[in-house]
């Protein structure tokens, strides 16, 4: 059974570690801070900013969103998208992230909280100020 652990949560970023075998889903509530409110219209966006992984043997790990595989991982590597490549993976960014490890492995996901995570002061703004 795979387990997920949120290693870091800030206003802009989260890091989630998945270890073991099996599937886990990373929800937007997993990466939200205790005082953040999520957009009530479902307009919450999480970009994958980087992936660091170690997958045992020739088995694969997949990262899917809304039932669509967005990444397949085999072996050991890391992709720091925004730092090294100048982009983030924003495919199906409003969907939860499901990590499935076919065999034993570890996957770290660096997630950018792009939109819909509101800090306490946001709730005090008038509607016209929230645009």
N, C-alpha and C. Protein backbone atom coordinates (compact mmCIF):
# COMPACT_ATOMS: atom_id res chain seq x y z
N UNK A 1 0.83 -1.18 0.00
CA UNK A 1 0.00 0.00 0.00
C UNK A 1 0.88 1.25 0.00
N UNK A 2 0.57 2.16 -0.87
CA UNK A 2 1.32 3.42 -0.92
C UNK A 2 0.77 4.40 0.11
N UNK A 3 1.66 5.22 0.63
CA UNK A 3 1.26 6.26 1.57
C UNK A 3 1.74 7.61 1.07
N UNK A 4 1.00 8.65 1.42
CA UNK A 4 1.41 10.01 1.06
C UNK A 4 1.69 10.79 2.32
N UNK A 5 2.72 11.64 2.22
CA UNK A 5 3.10 12.51 3.32
C UNK A 5 3.34 13.89 2.74
N UNK A 6 2.69 14.89 3.31
CA UNK A 6 2.92 16.27 2.89
C UNK A 6 4.12 16.78 3.67
N UNK A 7 5.23 17.03 2.95
CA UNK A 7 6.47 17.45 3.58
C UNK A 7 6.57 18.97 3.76
N UNK A 8 5.89 19.70 2.88
CA UNK A 8 6.00 21.16 2.92
C UNK A 8 4.69 21.76 2.43
N UNK A 9 4.24 22.80 3.13
CA UNK A 9 3.07 23.57 2.70
C UNK A 9 3.36 25.04 2.95
N UNK A 10 3.31 25.83 1.92
CA UNK A 10 3.39 27.29 2.05
C UNK A 10 2.24 27.88 1.25
N UNK A 11 2.16 29.19 1.20
CA UNK A 11 1.08 29.84 0.44
C UNK A 11 1.16 29.51 -1.05
N UNK A 12 2.34 29.31 -1.58
CA UNK A 12 2.51 29.12 -3.01
C UNK A 12 2.88 27.70 -3.42
N UNK A 13 3.34 26.88 -2.49
CA UNK A 13 3.96 25.62 -2.88
C UNK A 13 3.68 24.52 -1.85
N UNK A 14 3.72 23.28 -2.34
CA UNK A 14 3.64 22.12 -1.46
C UNK A 14 4.54 21.03 -2.03
N UNK A 15 5.06 20.18 -1.14
CA UNK A 15 5.84 19.02 -1.56
C UNK A 15 5.18 17.80 -0.91
N UNK A 16 4.86 16.81 -1.75
CA UNK A 16 4.21 15.60 -1.28
C UNK A 16 5.08 14.40 -1.66
N UNK A 17 5.28 13.50 -0.67
CA UNK A 17 6.06 12.28 -0.89
C UNK A 17 5.10 11.10 -0.90
N UNK A 18 5.26 10.23 -1.92
CA UNK A 18 4.48 9.00 -2.01
C UNK A 18 5.47 7.84 -1.96
N UNK A 19 5.23 6.87 -1.05
CA UNK A 19 6.14 5.75 -0.85
C UNK A 19 5.34 4.45 -0.81
N UNK A 20 5.92 3.39 -1.39
CA UNK A 20 5.32 2.07 -1.32
C UNK A 20 4.88 1.58 -2.67
N UNK A 21 3.80 0.82 -2.70
CA UNK A 21 3.21 0.39 -3.97
C UNK A 21 1.70 0.53 -3.85
N UNK A 22 1.06 0.80 -4.96
CA UNK A 22 -0.37 1.06 -4.96
C UNK A 22 -0.65 2.48 -5.39
N UNK A 23 -1.88 2.91 -5.19
CA UNK A 23 -2.30 4.24 -5.64
C UNK A 23 -2.71 5.13 -4.47
N UNK A 24 -2.36 6.40 -4.57
CA UNK A 24 -2.84 7.42 -3.62
C UNK A 24 -3.25 8.65 -4.43
N UNK A 25 -4.19 9.38 -3.88
CA UNK A 25 -4.65 10.60 -4.54
C UNK A 25 -4.31 11.80 -3.68
N UNK A 26 -3.72 12.80 -4.31
CA UNK A 26 -3.37 14.05 -3.63
C UNK A 26 -4.49 15.04 -3.93
N UNK A 27 -5.18 15.43 -2.89
CA UNK A 27 -6.31 16.35 -3.01
C UNK A 27 -5.84 17.78 -2.78
N UNK A 28 -6.61 18.74 -3.28
CA UNK A 28 -6.25 20.14 -3.02
C UNK A 28 -6.33 20.45 -1.53
N UNK A 29 -7.18 19.75 -0.80
CA UNK A 29 -7.25 19.96 0.65
C UNK A 29 -6.01 19.45 1.37
N UNK A 30 -5.30 18.50 0.76
CA UNK A 30 -4.05 17.99 1.36
C UNK A 30 -2.97 19.05 1.40
N UNK A 31 -2.95 19.93 0.41
CA UNK A 31 -1.87 20.92 0.30
C UNK A 31 -2.28 22.31 0.78
N UNK A 32 -3.54 22.47 1.16
CA UNK A 32 -4.00 23.77 1.66
C UNK A 32 -3.56 23.96 3.11
N UNK A 33 -3.17 25.17 3.44
CA UNK A 33 -2.85 25.51 4.83
C UNK A 33 -4.14 25.56 5.65
N UNK A 34 -4.01 25.43 6.95
CA UNK A 34 -5.18 25.40 7.82
C UNK A 34 -6.03 26.66 7.71
N UNK A 35 -5.40 27.82 7.44
CA UNK A 35 -6.17 29.06 7.37
C UNK A 35 -6.57 29.45 5.95
N UNK A 36 -6.27 28.61 4.97
CA UNK A 36 -6.66 28.91 3.59
C UNK A 36 -8.06 28.39 3.30
N UNK A 37 -8.77 29.14 2.48
CA UNK A 37 -10.08 28.74 2.01
C UNK A 37 -9.94 28.39 0.53
N UNK A 38 -10.58 27.30 0.10
CA UNK A 38 -10.54 26.92 -1.30
C UNK A 38 -11.66 27.61 -2.05
N UNK A 39 -11.40 27.94 -3.31
CA UNK A 39 -12.38 28.60 -4.16
C UNK A 39 -13.68 27.81 -4.17
N UNK A 40 -14.79 28.47 -3.89
CA UNK A 40 -16.08 27.77 -3.78
C UNK A 40 -16.64 27.34 -5.14
N UNK A 41 -16.11 27.87 -6.23
CA UNK A 41 -16.56 27.49 -7.57
C UNK A 41 -15.75 26.35 -8.15
N UNK A 42 -14.87 25.75 -7.35
CA UNK A 42 -14.05 24.65 -7.85
C UNK A 42 -12.90 25.10 -8.73
N UNK A 43 -12.59 26.37 -8.67
CA UNK A 43 -11.53 26.94 -9.51
C UNK A 43 -10.19 26.88 -8.77
N UNK A 44 -9.80 25.66 -8.37
CA UNK A 44 -8.55 25.45 -7.64
C UNK A 44 -7.57 24.76 -8.58
N UNK A 45 -6.41 25.38 -8.78
CA UNK A 45 -5.44 24.87 -9.74
C UNK A 45 -4.13 24.51 -9.05
N UNK A 46 -3.64 23.28 -9.33
CA UNK A 46 -2.36 22.81 -8.81
C UNK A 46 -1.50 22.38 -9.99
N UNK A 47 -0.38 23.06 -10.19
CA UNK A 47 0.57 22.68 -11.24
C UNK A 47 1.64 21.78 -10.66
N UNK A 48 2.12 20.83 -11.46
CA UNK A 48 3.25 20.01 -11.03
C UNK A 48 4.51 20.72 -11.50
N UNK A 49 5.30 21.17 -10.53
CA UNK A 49 6.47 21.98 -10.79
C UNK A 49 7.75 21.14 -10.89
N UNK A 50 7.74 19.96 -10.29
CA UNK A 50 8.91 19.10 -10.32
C UNK A 50 8.57 17.71 -9.81
N UNK A 51 9.32 16.72 -10.28
CA UNK A 51 9.14 15.33 -9.87
C UNK A 51 10.51 14.74 -9.59
N UNK A 52 10.63 14.09 -8.46
CA UNK A 52 11.86 13.39 -8.07
C UNK A 52 11.43 11.98 -7.72
N UNK A 53 12.07 10.95 -8.31
CA UNK A 53 11.56 9.61 -8.10
C UNK A 53 12.65 8.55 -8.14
N UNK A 54 12.36 7.44 -7.44
CA UNK A 54 13.19 6.24 -7.43
C UNK A 54 12.22 5.07 -7.46
N UNK A 55 12.18 4.38 -8.60
CA UNK A 55 11.25 3.28 -8.81
C UNK A 55 12.07 2.00 -8.93
N UNK A 56 11.73 0.98 -8.15
CA UNK A 56 12.49 -0.27 -8.13
C UNK A 56 12.32 -1.05 -9.43
N UNK A 57 13.43 -1.64 -9.90
CA UNK A 57 13.40 -2.52 -11.06
C UNK A 57 12.85 -1.87 -12.31
N UNK A 58 12.14 -2.68 -13.10
CA UNK A 58 11.59 -2.20 -14.37
C UNK A 58 10.13 -1.82 -14.25
N UNK A 59 9.63 -1.72 -13.02
CA UNK A 59 8.23 -1.33 -12.84
C UNK A 59 8.08 0.16 -13.08
N UNK A 60 6.86 0.57 -13.25
CA UNK A 60 6.60 1.97 -13.55
C UNK A 60 5.72 2.60 -12.49
N UNK A 61 5.79 3.91 -12.44
CA UNK A 61 4.86 4.71 -11.65
C UNK A 61 4.15 5.62 -12.63
N UNK A 62 2.89 5.87 -12.39
CA UNK A 62 2.15 6.80 -13.24
C UNK A 62 1.58 7.92 -12.39
N UNK A 63 1.51 9.07 -13.00
CA UNK A 63 0.84 10.21 -12.40
C UNK A 63 -0.32 10.54 -13.32
N UNK A 64 -1.52 10.53 -12.74
CA UNK A 64 -2.73 10.75 -13.53
C UNK A 64 -3.57 11.86 -12.93
N UNK A 65 -4.34 12.49 -13.80
CA UNK A 65 -5.29 13.51 -13.38
C UNK A 65 -6.58 13.27 -14.14
N UNK A 66 -7.66 13.15 -13.41
CA UNK A 66 -8.97 12.92 -14.01
C UNK A 66 -8.97 11.67 -14.89
N UNK A 67 -8.25 10.65 -14.47
CA UNK A 67 -8.19 9.40 -15.21
C UNK A 67 -7.26 9.40 -16.41
N UNK A 68 -6.59 10.51 -16.67
CA UNK A 68 -5.67 10.63 -17.80
C UNK A 68 -4.24 10.60 -17.28
N UNK A 69 -3.42 9.69 -17.81
CA UNK A 69 -2.02 9.63 -17.41
C UNK A 69 -1.29 10.85 -17.96
N UNK A 70 -0.64 11.59 -17.07
CA UNK A 70 0.11 12.78 -17.50
C UNK A 70 1.62 12.54 -17.44
N UNK A 71 2.04 11.50 -16.70
CA UNK A 71 3.47 11.15 -16.64
C UNK A 71 3.62 9.67 -16.34
N UNK A 72 4.64 9.06 -16.93
CA UNK A 72 5.05 7.71 -16.58
C UNK A 72 6.50 7.77 -16.15
N UNK A 73 6.80 7.14 -15.03
CA UNK A 73 8.14 7.23 -14.46
C UNK A 73 8.72 5.83 -14.31
N UNK A 74 9.97 5.64 -14.74
CA UNK A 74 10.68 4.37 -14.58
C UNK A 74 12.10 4.70 -14.16
N UNK A 75 12.63 3.96 -13.20
CA UNK A 75 14.02 4.15 -12.78
C UNK A 75 14.15 5.24 -11.74
N UNK A 76 15.25 5.99 -11.83
CA UNK A 76 15.56 7.07 -10.89
C UNK A 76 15.89 8.33 -11.68
N UNK A 77 15.24 9.40 -11.36
CA UNK A 77 15.53 10.66 -12.05
C UNK A 77 14.84 11.79 -11.32
N UNK A 78 15.04 12.99 -11.79
CA UNK A 78 14.31 14.15 -11.29
C UNK A 78 14.12 15.14 -12.40
N UNK A 79 12.98 15.74 -12.40
CA UNK A 79 12.65 16.78 -13.38
C UNK A 79 12.22 18.01 -12.61
N UNK A 80 13.01 19.03 -12.68
CA UNK A 80 12.67 20.29 -12.05
C UNK A 80 12.21 21.22 -13.17
N UNK A 81 10.94 21.13 -13.48
CA UNK A 81 10.41 21.78 -14.68
C UNK A 81 10.71 23.27 -14.76
N UNK A 82 10.24 24.04 -13.80
CA UNK A 82 10.36 25.49 -13.93
C UNK A 82 11.81 25.97 -13.83
N UNK A 83 12.61 25.34 -12.98
CA UNK A 83 14.00 25.78 -12.83
C UNK A 83 14.84 25.44 -14.05
N UNK A 84 14.74 24.20 -14.52
CA UNK A 84 15.62 23.75 -15.60
C UNK A 84 15.02 23.87 -16.98
N UNK A 85 13.71 23.84 -17.08
CA UNK A 85 13.08 23.80 -18.39
C UNK A 85 12.20 25.00 -18.70
N UNK A 86 11.87 25.79 -17.71
CA UNK A 86 11.12 27.01 -17.94
C UNK A 86 9.62 26.83 -18.10
N UNK A 87 9.06 25.71 -17.62
CA UNK A 87 7.61 25.50 -17.69
C UNK A 87 7.17 24.64 -16.51
N UNK A 88 5.86 24.50 -16.34
CA UNK A 88 5.29 23.59 -15.36
C UNK A 88 4.31 22.68 -16.08
N UNK A 89 4.02 21.53 -15.49
CA UNK A 89 3.02 20.64 -16.08
C UNK A 89 1.65 21.09 -15.57
N UNK A 90 0.88 21.72 -16.45
CA UNK A 90 -0.43 22.22 -16.07
C UNK A 90 -1.56 21.50 -16.79
N UNK A 91 -1.29 20.28 -17.25
CA UNK A 91 -2.33 19.48 -17.89
C UNK A 91 -3.36 19.07 -16.84
N UNK A 92 -4.63 19.34 -17.11
CA UNK A 92 -5.73 19.00 -16.20
C UNK A 92 -5.48 19.52 -14.79
N UNK A 93 -5.00 20.73 -14.70
CA UNK A 93 -4.52 21.31 -13.45
C UNK A 93 -5.60 21.48 -12.38
N UNK A 94 -6.87 21.45 -12.77
CA UNK A 94 -7.93 21.58 -11.77
C UNK A 94 -8.33 20.24 -11.16
N UNK A 95 -7.72 19.16 -11.62
CA UNK A 95 -8.05 17.82 -11.11
C UNK A 95 -7.07 17.39 -10.03
N UNK A 96 -7.52 16.49 -9.17
CA UNK A 96 -6.64 15.90 -8.16
C UNK A 96 -5.55 15.10 -8.86
N UNK A 97 -4.48 14.79 -8.13
CA UNK A 97 -3.33 14.07 -8.68
C UNK A 97 -3.30 12.68 -8.08
N UNK A 98 -3.33 11.65 -8.94
CA UNK A 98 -3.24 10.27 -8.46
C UNK A 98 -1.89 9.69 -8.87
N UNK A 99 -1.16 9.21 -7.88
CA UNK A 99 0.14 8.58 -8.12
C UNK A 99 -0.05 7.07 -7.89
N UNK A 100 0.32 6.28 -8.91
CA UNK A 100 0.21 4.83 -8.80
C UNK A 100 1.59 4.21 -8.98
N UNK A 101 2.03 3.47 -7.99
CA UNK A 101 3.31 2.78 -8.04
C UNK A 101 3.02 1.30 -8.25
N UNK A 102 3.44 0.75 -9.40
CA UNK A 102 3.20 -0.66 -9.71
C UNK A 102 4.03 -1.57 -8.79
N UNK A 103 5.25 -1.17 -8.50
CA UNK A 103 6.12 -1.90 -7.57
C UNK A 103 6.55 -0.94 -6.49
N UNK A 104 7.57 -1.31 -5.75
CA UNK A 104 8.07 -0.44 -4.69
C UNK A 104 8.72 0.80 -5.29
N UNK A 105 8.53 1.92 -4.63
CA UNK A 105 9.16 3.15 -5.12
C UNK A 105 8.85 4.34 -4.24
N UNK A 106 9.48 5.45 -4.60
CA UNK A 106 9.27 6.72 -3.92
C UNK A 106 9.15 7.82 -4.97
N UNK A 107 8.15 8.66 -4.81
CA UNK A 107 7.94 9.79 -5.72
C UNK A 107 7.72 11.04 -4.87
N UNK A 108 8.48 12.09 -5.17
CA UNK A 108 8.27 13.40 -4.56
C UNK A 108 7.67 14.31 -5.62
N UNK A 109 6.58 14.98 -5.30
CA UNK A 109 5.97 15.94 -6.21
C UNK A 109 6.09 17.33 -5.63
N UNK A 110 6.63 18.24 -6.41
CA UNK A 110 6.69 19.65 -6.06
C UNK A 110 5.49 20.30 -6.75
N UNK A 111 4.56 20.80 -5.97
CA UNK A 111 3.30 21.33 -6.50
C UNK A 111 3.24 22.83 -6.29
N UNK A 112 2.90 23.56 -7.34
CA UNK A 112 2.65 24.98 -7.24
C UNK A 112 1.15 25.20 -7.08
N UNK A 113 0.78 25.90 -6.05
CA UNK A 113 -0.62 26.21 -5.82
C UNK A 113 -0.95 27.45 -6.66
N UNK A 114 -1.45 27.22 -7.86
CA UNK A 114 -1.58 28.28 -8.85
C UNK A 114 -2.76 29.21 -8.61
N UNK A 115 -3.91 28.66 -8.22
CA UNK A 115 -5.09 29.51 -8.05
C UNK A 115 -6.09 28.82 -7.14
N UNK A 116 -6.89 29.61 -6.44
CA UNK A 116 -8.00 29.08 -5.66
C UNK A 116 -7.70 28.76 -4.21
N UNK A 117 -6.48 29.04 -3.75
CA UNK A 117 -6.12 28.86 -2.35
C UNK A 117 -6.06 30.25 -1.74
N UNK A 118 -7.09 30.63 -0.98
CA UNK A 118 -7.20 32.00 -0.50
C UNK A 118 -6.75 32.13 0.95
N UNK A 119 -5.88 33.10 1.18
CA UNK A 119 -5.41 33.38 2.54
C UNK A 119 -6.50 34.14 3.30
N UNK A 120 -6.38 34.24 4.61
CA UNK A 120 -7.43 34.88 5.41
C UNK A 120 -7.77 36.30 4.98
N UNK A 121 -6.78 37.08 4.58
CA UNK A 121 -7.07 38.47 4.20
C UNK A 121 -7.89 38.55 2.91
N UNK A 122 -7.86 37.51 2.08
CA UNK A 122 -8.64 37.51 0.84
C UNK A 122 -10.13 37.54 1.16
N UNK A 123 -10.53 36.89 2.23
CA UNK A 123 -11.94 36.82 2.57
C UNK A 123 -12.50 38.17 3.02
N UNK A 124 -11.63 39.09 3.39
CA UNK A 124 -12.07 40.41 3.83
C UNK A 124 -12.24 41.38 2.67
N UNK A 125 -11.78 41.00 1.49
CA UNK A 125 -11.89 41.89 0.33
C UNK A 125 -13.31 41.92 -0.20
N UNK A 126 -13.67 43.02 -0.83
CA UNK A 126 -14.95 43.13 -1.53
C UNK A 126 -14.84 42.32 -2.82
N UNK A 127 -15.97 41.91 -3.38
CA UNK A 127 -15.97 41.10 -4.59
C UNK A 127 -15.19 41.75 -5.73
N UNK A 128 -15.35 43.06 -5.92
CA UNK A 128 -14.66 43.73 -7.02
C UNK A 128 -13.13 43.77 -6.82
N UNK A 129 -12.66 43.58 -5.58
CA UNK A 129 -11.24 43.57 -5.30
C UNK A 129 -10.60 42.20 -5.54
N UNK A 130 -11.40 41.16 -5.68
CA UNK A 130 -10.91 39.80 -5.83
C UNK A 130 -10.54 39.45 -7.28
N UNK A 131 -10.74 40.33 -8.18
CA UNK A 131 -10.47 40.05 -9.60
C UNK A 131 -8.99 40.18 -9.88
